[in-house]
């Protein structure tokens, strides 16, 4: 049956890319100009009238559209390039295969060094990376890891991260295409943290550690080059965030008074794991009067709730990174992670009266667990349940914690390395 898919102008390239990946490169589309929100009735009628004419003309066109290949010329498995390092980088940049920063050329010898540390065959498929639905083979991932500057020992961590983002519950396709500034953050736990000298302490979210920087960057290049998440074309983030270059941390297990994050999620303390969670940025929470657990908790709950956070609109798993000093204060007074989650869940509820009525209607549709049928509520929590709030301990000594709002349409995934 002939069909026409309606898409807004800014998402046309994305729609075509997804249609092609799903086997429909010749999908008919009718384009409507943005914006669509808060239009007057007459404006809606004009857009609908124009769209109707376009849709019907396509549906009843006498001649079928000629099939047009969008894949372009197929590149050889190995590119024969010559020139200086700068010239090779210029070539890769022109193909949009980089993140804008210089890359290490993925020469055969470098790729083979990474492939040598894993048992799987180079053509083994780790997962399918949306929205291009690219097959993430071990070799393709290795190529991107070399480009990112990874050493061979980092490669199993990269592979685990790719496995995690390809899990259905992570919901990668809309994350790659959303206007939100969301990016996968990699959290590493277990013995591999010391083995690879991953940073879990001072400046844990910042620069300075090769393992953190290159593992996170490798995942980003996989998202771009295998998944097709090219900024502006498929990746529609309105502003993005610096974490989209690289965002990989380790939990400071030695400084934590509680069980590690991966143990909380069902793994053994001796397991090395990668967790991926879709984060929308960072909010530093500074606490000068840090003499009691109550004061620490009061500062947390007064700092976290903000209208506009994605968690308020669609739930999700907001992440709280507690500094070692703050975690010690809380634990010393007998508080568990579960206690903190309950306190944060109850203390950060936002009155619905602060929202525009149309926003409330939107949230009702997105968060049925918060608005159960037959029961009224006057407050909006940052998560659907206290168990959805995620807590890790990381960073160095000092009176700081970090709140990281997350993209509500995804779930954290943990994979054993």
Protein backbone atom coordinates (compact mmCIF):
# COMPACT_ATOMS: atom_id res chain seq x y z
CA UNK A 1 0.00 0.00 0.00
CA UNK A 2 1.42 3.43 -0.92
CA UNK A 3 2.33 5.50 2.11
CA UNK A 4 3.76 8.92 2.89
CA UNK A 5 5.60 9.66 6.12
CA UNK A 6 5.19 13.16 7.55
CA UNK A 7 8.38 14.66 8.99
CA UNK A 8 9.47 18.14 10.08
CA UNK A 9 12.15 19.88 8.03
CA UNK A 10 14.95 19.68 10.62
CA UNK A 11 14.46 15.92 11.00
CA UNK A 12 14.30 15.10 7.30
CA UNK A 13 17.91 13.85 7.05
CA UNK A 14 17.42 11.75 10.17
CA UNK A 15 14.22 10.23 8.82
CA UNK A 16 15.87 9.31 5.56
CA UNK A 17 18.87 7.80 7.34
CA UNK A 18 16.67 5.62 9.57
CA UNK A 19 14.46 4.59 6.65
CA UNK A 20 17.52 3.58 4.66
CA UNK A 21 18.94 1.62 7.59
CA UNK A 22 15.65 -0.24 7.92
CA UNK A 23 15.54 -1.15 4.23
CA UNK A 24 13.32 1.60 2.81
CA UNK A 25 15.64 4.10 1.10
CA UNK A 26 12.85 5.30 -1.20
CA UNK A 27 10.35 6.11 1.53
CA UNK A 28 8.05 8.93 0.46
CA UNK A 29 8.10 11.92 2.82
CA UNK A 30 6.04 15.05 3.22
CA UNK A 31 7.90 17.85 4.96
CA UNK A 32 6.33 20.30 7.41
CA UNK A 33 8.25 23.36 8.56
CA UNK A 34 8.98 23.90 12.22
CA UNK A 35 8.03 25.19 14.75
CA UNK A 36 4.83 23.31 15.55
CA UNK A 37 4.27 24.29 19.19
CA UNK A 38 1.74 26.93 20.21
CA UNK A 39 0.45 27.58 16.68
CA UNK A 40 -2.78 29.48 16.18
CA UNK A 41 -5.71 27.59 14.68
CA UNK A 42 -5.34 29.36 11.36
CA UNK A 43 -1.66 28.48 11.19
CA UNK A 44 -2.43 24.83 11.92
CA UNK A 45 -5.03 24.81 9.13
CA UNK A 46 -2.57 26.32 6.65
CA UNK A 47 0.10 23.74 7.47
CA UNK A 48 -2.45 20.91 7.30
CA UNK A 49 -3.82 22.15 3.97
CA UNK A 50 -0.38 22.32 2.39
CA UNK A 51 0.59 18.95 3.81
CA UNK A 52 -2.63 17.36 2.58
CA UNK A 53 -2.00 18.57 -0.97
CA UNK A 54 1.55 17.26 -0.92
CA UNK A 55 0.56 13.91 0.58
CA UNK A 56 -2.27 13.27 -1.86
CA UNK A 57 -0.18 14.28 -4.87
CA UNK A 58 2.45 11.75 -3.85
CA UNK A 59 -0.07 9.00 -3.10
CA UNK A 60 -1.83 9.35 -6.43
CA UNK A 61 1.17 10.07 -8.61
CA UNK A 62 0.84 8.14 -11.84
CA UNK A 63 4.47 7.21 -12.15
CA UNK A 64 6.38 5.41 -9.50
CA UNK A 65 9.42 7.19 -8.15
CA UNK A 66 12.69 5.90 -9.43
CA UNK A 67 14.74 4.11 -6.80
CA UNK A 68 17.73 6.21 -5.83
CA UNK A 69 20.69 4.71 -4.04
CA UNK A 70 21.80 6.78 -1.05
CA UNK A 71 24.61 4.53 -0.01
CA UNK A 72 27.11 5.99 -2.44
CA UNK A 73 30.20 4.21 -3.68
CA UNK A 74 31.22 1.39 -1.40
CA UNK A 75 34.60 2.04 0.16
CA UNK A 76 37.25 -0.67 0.10
CA UNK A 77 38.01 -2.46 3.36
CA UNK A 78 41.49 -0.94 3.43
CA UNK A 79 42.09 2.61 2.21
CA UNK A 80 45.36 3.32 0.43
CA UNK A 81 46.28 6.81 1.67
CA UNK A 82 49.54 8.68 1.52
CA UNK A 83 50.71 12.00 2.87
CA UNK A 84 51.55 13.59 6.18
CA UNK A 85 49.70 13.02 9.43
CA UNK A 86 47.99 16.36 8.92
CA UNK A 87 46.86 15.38 5.42
CA UNK A 88 45.45 12.07 6.64
CA UNK A 89 43.60 13.88 9.41
CA UNK A 90 42.24 16.37 6.90
CA UNK A 91 40.93 13.50 4.79
CA UNK A 92 39.22 11.81 7.72
CA UNK A 93 37.75 15.13 8.85
CA UNK A 94 36.39 15.82 5.35
CA UNK A 95 34.61 12.44 5.44
CA UNK A 96 33.11 13.38 8.83
CA UNK A 97 34.78 10.36 10.45
CA UNK A 98 36.21 12.33 13.39
CA UNK A 99 34.91 14.26 16.38
CA UNK A 100 36.72 17.38 15.22
CA UNK A 101 39.93 16.56 17.09
CA UNK A 102 42.99 14.96 15.48
CA UNK A 103 42.89 11.17 15.30
CA UNK A 104 45.48 8.43 15.19
CA UNK A 105 45.41 6.89 11.69
CA UNK A 106 44.01 3.33 12.01
CA UNK A 107 46.82 1.57 10.17
CA UNK A 108 46.62 -2.21 9.95
CA UNK A 109 49.39 -2.85 12.48
CA UNK A 110 47.70 -0.69 15.14
CA UNK A 111 44.30 -2.31 14.60
CA UNK A 112 45.82 -5.80 14.78
CA UNK A 113 47.42 -5.00 18.14
CA UNK A 114 43.97 -4.35 19.58
CA UNK A 115 42.44 -7.39 17.91
CA UNK A 116 45.15 -9.57 19.49
CA UNK A 117 43.87 -8.97 23.04
CA UNK A 118 40.44 -10.55 22.40
CA UNK A 119 39.51 -14.09 21.45
CA UNK A 120 36.61 -13.31 19.11
CA UNK A 121 37.07 -13.18 15.34
CA UNK A 122 37.46 -9.70 13.81
CA UNK A 123 34.16 -10.07 11.93
CA UNK A 124 32.20 -11.10 15.05
CA UNK A 125 29.29 -8.74 15.58
CA UNK A 126 29.05 -7.14 19.03
CA UNK A 127 25.79 -5.33 18.33
CA UNK A 128 23.80 -3.15 15.97
CA UNK A 129 24.39 0.57 16.46
CA UNK A 130 21.42 2.86 15.78
CA UNK A 131 20.22 4.82 13.93
CA UNK A 132 22.19 3.66 10.88
CA UNK A 133 21.84 0.10 12.23
CA UNK A 134 25.52 -0.42 11.53
CA UNK A 135 26.99 -3.80 12.35
CA UNK A 136 29.53 -3.21 15.12
CA UNK A 137 32.11 -5.89 14.39
CA UNK A 138 35.17 -6.29 16.59
CA UNK A 139 37.36 -4.99 13.77
CA UNK A 140 35.24 -1.88 13.17
CA UNK A 141 35.26 -1.09 16.88
CA UNK A 142 39.02 -1.60 16.97
CA UNK A 143 39.46 0.87 14.11
CA UNK A 144 37.56 3.53 16.02
CA UNK A 145 39.45 2.72 19.23
CA UNK A 146 42.77 3.21 17.45
CA UNK A 147 41.53 6.53 16.06
CA UNK A 148 40.64 7.57 19.61
CA UNK A 149 44.16 6.77 20.87
CA UNK A 150 43.31 3.63 22.88
CA UNK A 151 46.02 1.26 24.01
CA UNK A 152 45.38 -2.49 23.51
CA UNK A 153 44.56 -3.01 27.20
CA UNK A 154 41.68 -0.55 26.96
CA UNK A 155 39.99 -2.42 24.13
CA UNK A 156 37.94 -4.94 26.21
CA UNK A 157 36.44 -2.00 28.11
CA UNK A 158 35.44 -0.35 24.82
CA UNK A 159 33.88 -3.60 23.60
CA UNK A 160 31.85 -3.92 26.81
CA UNK A 161 30.64 -0.33 26.45
CA UNK A 162 29.50 -0.99 22.87
CA UNK A 163 27.67 -4.13 23.98
CA UNK A 164 25.90 -2.08 26.66
CA UNK A 165 24.70 0.72 24.37
CA UNK A 166 23.31 -1.86 21.94
CA UNK A 167 21.03 -3.42 24.55
CA UNK A 168 17.34 -2.68 23.83
CA UNK A 169 16.73 -1.14 27.26
CA UNK A 170 19.39 1.49 26.60
CA UNK A 171 17.20 2.76 23.75
CA UNK A 172 20.04 4.17 21.66
CA UNK A 173 18.15 5.15 18.51
CA UNK A 174 16.21 8.12 19.92
CA UNK A 175 19.21 9.08 22.08
CA UNK A 176 21.33 9.46 18.96
CA UNK A 177 18.74 11.70 17.32
CA UNK A 178 17.15 13.72 20.14
CA UNK A 179 17.35 17.49 20.55
CA UNK A 180 18.38 16.85 24.17
CA UNK A 181 22.09 17.14 25.13
CA UNK A 182 22.27 13.51 26.20
CA UNK A 183 25.36 11.32 25.89
CA UNK A 184 26.29 7.87 27.18
CA UNK A 185 28.54 8.06 30.23
CA UNK A 186 30.76 5.05 30.91
CA UNK A 187 31.21 4.00 34.55
CA UNK A 188 33.90 1.36 35.16
CA UNK A 189 34.04 -0.85 38.26
CA UNK A 190 36.18 -3.70 39.53
CA UNK A 191 39.85 -4.75 39.36
CA UNK A 192 40.26 -3.37 35.82
CA UNK A 193 40.16 0.17 37.25
CA UNK A 194 43.59 -0.25 38.87
CA UNK A 195 44.93 -2.39 36.06
CA UNK A 196 44.31 0.35 33.50
CA UNK A 197 44.88 3.27 35.90
CA UNK A 198 41.44 4.69 35.26
CA UNK A 199 40.77 7.88 37.18
CA UNK A 200 38.21 7.62 40.00
CA UNK A 201 39.47 10.53 42.12
CA UNK A 202 40.29 14.19 41.60
CA UNK A 203 38.90 15.66 38.38
CA UNK A 204 37.12 12.39 37.65
CA UNK A 205 34.81 14.10 35.15
CA UNK A 206 37.62 16.10 33.57
CA UNK A 207 40.83 15.83 31.65
CA UNK A 208 44.19 14.29 32.47
CA UNK A 209 43.89 10.49 32.24
CA UNK A 210 44.55 8.67 28.99
CA UNK A 211 42.43 5.61 29.75
CA UNK A 212 39.35 7.63 30.67
CA UNK A 213 39.71 10.03 27.76
CA UNK A 214 40.37 7.51 25.01
CA UNK A 215 37.83 4.88 26.11
CA UNK A 216 35.09 7.50 26.22
CA UNK A 217 36.23 8.94 22.91
CA UNK A 218 36.29 5.52 21.26
CA UNK A 219 32.65 5.00 22.19
CA UNK A 220 31.77 8.39 20.71
CA UNK A 221 33.52 7.55 17.42
CA UNK A 222 31.62 4.25 17.29
CA UNK A 223 28.37 6.18 17.75
CA UNK A 224 29.35 8.51 14.91
CA UNK A 225 31.00 6.18 12.41
CA UNK A 226 29.11 2.91 12.90
CA UNK A 227 25.86 4.33 14.24
CA UNK A 228 25.70 7.34 11.93
CA UNK A 229 25.25 9.91 14.72
CA UNK A 230 26.74 12.79 12.72
CA UNK A 231 26.08 16.16 14.40
CA UNK A 232 23.52 18.31 12.61
CA UNK A 233 22.54 15.56 10.19
CA UNK A 234 21.31 12.77 12.46
CA UNK A 235 22.38 14.03 15.89
CA UNK A 236 19.87 16.86 16.45
CA UNK A 237 21.06 18.04 19.88
CA UNK A 238 20.18 21.73 20.11
CA UNK A 239 23.31 22.57 22.10
CA UNK A 240 25.05 19.31 22.97
CA UNK A 241 27.56 19.20 25.83
CA UNK A 242 31.31 18.69 26.31
CA UNK A 243 30.67 15.12 27.50
CA UNK A 244 29.82 14.21 23.91
CA UNK A 245 33.55 14.23 23.13
CA UNK A 246 34.33 11.69 25.84
CA UNK A 247 32.77 10.76 29.18
CA UNK A 248 34.28 7.81 31.02
CA UNK A 249 34.85 7.57 34.78
CA UNK A 250 35.58 4.93 37.37
CA UNK A 251 33.89 4.61 40.74
CA UNK A 252 36.14 5.36 43.71
CA UNK A 253 35.43 2.03 45.39
CA UNK A 254 38.21 2.39 47.96
CA UNK A 255 36.75 5.67 49.21
CA UNK A 256 33.16 4.42 49.26
CA UNK A 257 31.63 3.25 52.54
CA UNK A 258 29.04 1.21 50.64
CA UNK A 259 29.03 -1.66 48.20
CA UNK A 260 30.28 -0.73 44.70
CA UNK A 261 27.85 0.23 41.98
CA UNK A 262 28.29 -3.01 40.04
CA UNK A 263 27.73 -5.13 43.16
CA UNK A 264 24.52 -3.23 43.81
CA UNK A 265 23.52 -4.22 40.27
CA UNK A 266 24.07 -7.93 40.87
CA UNK A 267 27.73 -8.53 39.98
CA UNK A 268 30.54 -9.88 42.12
CA UNK A 269 33.05 -7.49 43.69
CA UNK A 270 35.78 -9.32 41.74
CA UNK A 271 34.03 -8.72 38.42
CA UNK A 272 35.16 -5.89 36.18
CA UNK A 273 32.19 -4.15 34.60
CA UNK A 274 31.13 -1.27 32.40
CA UNK A 275 27.89 0.59 33.02
CA UNK A 276 26.47 3.07 30.53
CA UNK A 277 23.89 5.68 31.46
CA UNK A 278 22.51 8.51 29.34
CA UNK A 279 23.35 11.78 31.08
CA UNK A 280 22.31 15.31 30.14
CA UNK A 281 25.04 17.27 31.90
CA UNK A 282 26.46 18.03 35.34
CA UNK A 283 25.37 20.20 38.26
CA UNK A 284 27.96 20.81 40.95
CA UNK A 285 26.57 20.92 44.50
CA UNK A 286 28.88 22.60 46.98
CA UNK A 287 28.38 22.18 50.73
CA UNK A 288 30.27 24.40 53.15
CA UNK A 289 28.45 23.46 56.39
CA UNK A 290 29.14 19.75 56.05
CA UNK A 291 29.06 18.78 59.72
CA UNK A 292 26.10 16.39 59.69
CA UNK A 293 24.26 13.98 57.45
CA UNK A 294 21.09 16.05 57.73
CA UNK A 295 22.86 19.17 56.45
CA UNK A 296 24.38 17.27 53.55
CA UNK A 297 21.00 15.82 52.59
CA UNK A 298 19.24 19.17 52.96
CA UNK A 299 21.71 20.75 50.54
CA UNK A 300 21.20 17.92 48.05
CA UNK A 301 17.43 18.11 47.94
CA UNK A 302 17.43 21.91 47.72
CA UNK A 303 19.86 21.86 44.82
CA UNK A 304 18.52 19.07 42.63
CA UNK A 305 14.93 19.93 41.62
CA UNK A 306 14.80 22.28 38.63
CA UNK A 307 12.04 22.75 36.08
CA UNK A 308 13.41 21.77 32.69
CA UNK A 309 15.33 18.67 33.74
CA UNK A 310 14.48 15.77 31.47
CA UNK A 311 13.82 13.54 34.50
CA UNK A 312 10.81 15.63 35.51
CA UNK A 313 9.24 15.19 32.08
CA UNK A 314 9.87 11.50 31.51
CA UNK A 315 11.29 9.91 34.65
CA UNK A 316 14.47 7.95 34.17
CA UNK A 317 17.38 7.27 36.50
CA UNK A 318 18.93 10.52 37.76
CA UNK A 319 22.52 10.03 38.89
CA UNK A 320 24.07 11.39 42.07
CA UNK A 321 27.88 11.30 42.34
CA UNK A 322 28.79 11.70 46.00
CA UNK A 323 32.24 12.93 46.93
CA UNK A 324 34.16 10.67 49.35
CA UNK A 325 33.91 13.17 52.23
CA UNK A 326 30.15 13.55 51.86
CA UNK A 327 29.67 9.79 51.53
CA UNK A 328 31.68 9.25 54.73
CA UNK A 329 29.55 11.76 56.65
CA UNK A 330 26.33 10.09 55.50
CA UNK A 331 27.57 6.57 56.22
CA UNK A 332 28.96 7.50 59.65
CA UNK A 333 25.42 8.29 60.79
CA UNK A 334 24.17 4.91 59.62
CA UNK A 335 22.65 5.91 56.29
CA UNK A 336 22.67 3.40 53.46
CA UNK A 337 22.33 4.13 49.76
CA UNK A 338 18.71 3.07 50.03
CA UNK A 339 18.12 5.60 52.82
CA UNK A 340 19.66 8.38 50.72
CA UNK A 341 17.62 7.45 47.67
CA UNK A 342 14.41 7.58 49.73
CA UNK A 343 15.31 10.98 51.22
CA UNK A 344 16.22 12.43 47.81
CA UNK A 345 13.11 10.98 46.17
CA UNK A 346 10.79 12.49 48.76
CA UNK A 347 12.69 15.74 49.25
CA UNK A 348 13.02 16.76 45.61
CA UNK A 349 9.36 16.60 44.60
CA UNK A 350 8.27 19.69 42.69
CA UNK A 351 4.76 21.18 43.11
CA UNK A 352 2.74 20.78 39.92
CA UNK A 353 1.46 24.31 40.44
CA UNK A 354 4.85 25.58 39.22
CA UNK A 355 4.28 24.11 35.76
CA UNK A 356 2.16 25.41 32.92
CA UNK A 357 -1.08 23.37 32.62
CA UNK A 358 -0.12 22.22 29.12
CA UNK A 359 3.21 20.97 30.49
CA UNK A 360 1.36 19.03 33.18
CA UNK A 361 -0.83 17.39 30.52
CA UNK A 362 2.31 16.41 28.60
CA UNK A 363 3.90 14.91 31.71
CA UNK A 364 0.73 12.96 32.53
CA UNK A 365 1.05 11.23 29.17
CA UNK A 366 4.73 10.45 29.62
CA UNK A 367 4.73 9.29 33.25
CA UNK A 368 1.72 7.06 33.95
CA UNK A 369 3.40 5.59 37.07
CA UNK A 370 3.36 9.05 38.67
CA UNK A 371 -0.24 9.76 37.61
CA UNK A 372 -2.09 6.46 38.22
CA UNK A 373 -5.69 6.31 37.11
CA UNK A 374 -8.17 7.44 39.73
CA UNK A 375 -5.63 9.11 42.00
CA UNK A 376 -4.65 12.75 42.10
CA UNK A 377 -1.17 14.03 42.88
CA UNK A 378 0.06 17.54 43.50
CA UNK A 379 3.79 16.87 43.31
CA UNK A 380 6.18 15.62 40.68
CA UNK A 381 9.18 13.44 41.68
CA UNK A 382 12.43 13.38 39.70
CA UNK A 383 12.12 9.59 39.22
CA UNK A 384 9.23 7.15 39.08
CA UNK A 385 10.51 5.37 42.18
CA UNK A 386 13.27 5.80 44.73
CA UNK A 387 15.00 2.70 43.32
CA UNK A 388 15.45 4.52 40.02
CA UNK A 389 17.81 7.06 41.60
CA UNK A 390 21.41 5.99 40.98
CA UNK A 391 24.28 6.70 43.42
CA UNK A 392 28.03 6.23 43.00
CA UNK A 393 31.02 7.55 44.93
CA UNK A 394 33.74 9.26 42.90
CA UNK A 395 36.04 12.25 42.94
CA UNK A 396 38.60 13.60 45.39
CA UNK A 397 38.43 15.09 48.86
CA UNK A 398 36.41 18.28 49.16
CA UNK A 399 32.93 19.55 49.86
CA UNK A 400 31.39 18.78 46.47
CA UNK A 401 28.81 16.40 45.07
CA UNK A 402 27.52 16.22 41.50
CA UNK A 403 23.97 15.75 40.25
CA UNK A 404 23.62 14.46 36.69
CA UNK A 405 20.13 14.60 35.21
CA UNK A 406 19.57 11.72 32.83
CA UNK A 407 17.55 11.15 29.71
CA UNK A 408 14.31 9.64 30.92
CA UNK A 409 13.80 7.38 27.91
CA UNK A 410 16.77 5.14 28.62
CA UNK A 411 17.85 2.71 31.33
CA UNK A 412 21.32 2.15 32.75
CA UNK A 413 22.94 -1.04 31.44
CA UNK A 414 25.83 -2.90 33.10
CA UNK A 415 27.97 -5.44 31.22
CA UNK A 416 30.78 -7.63 32.50
CA UNK A 417 34.14 -7.06 30.80
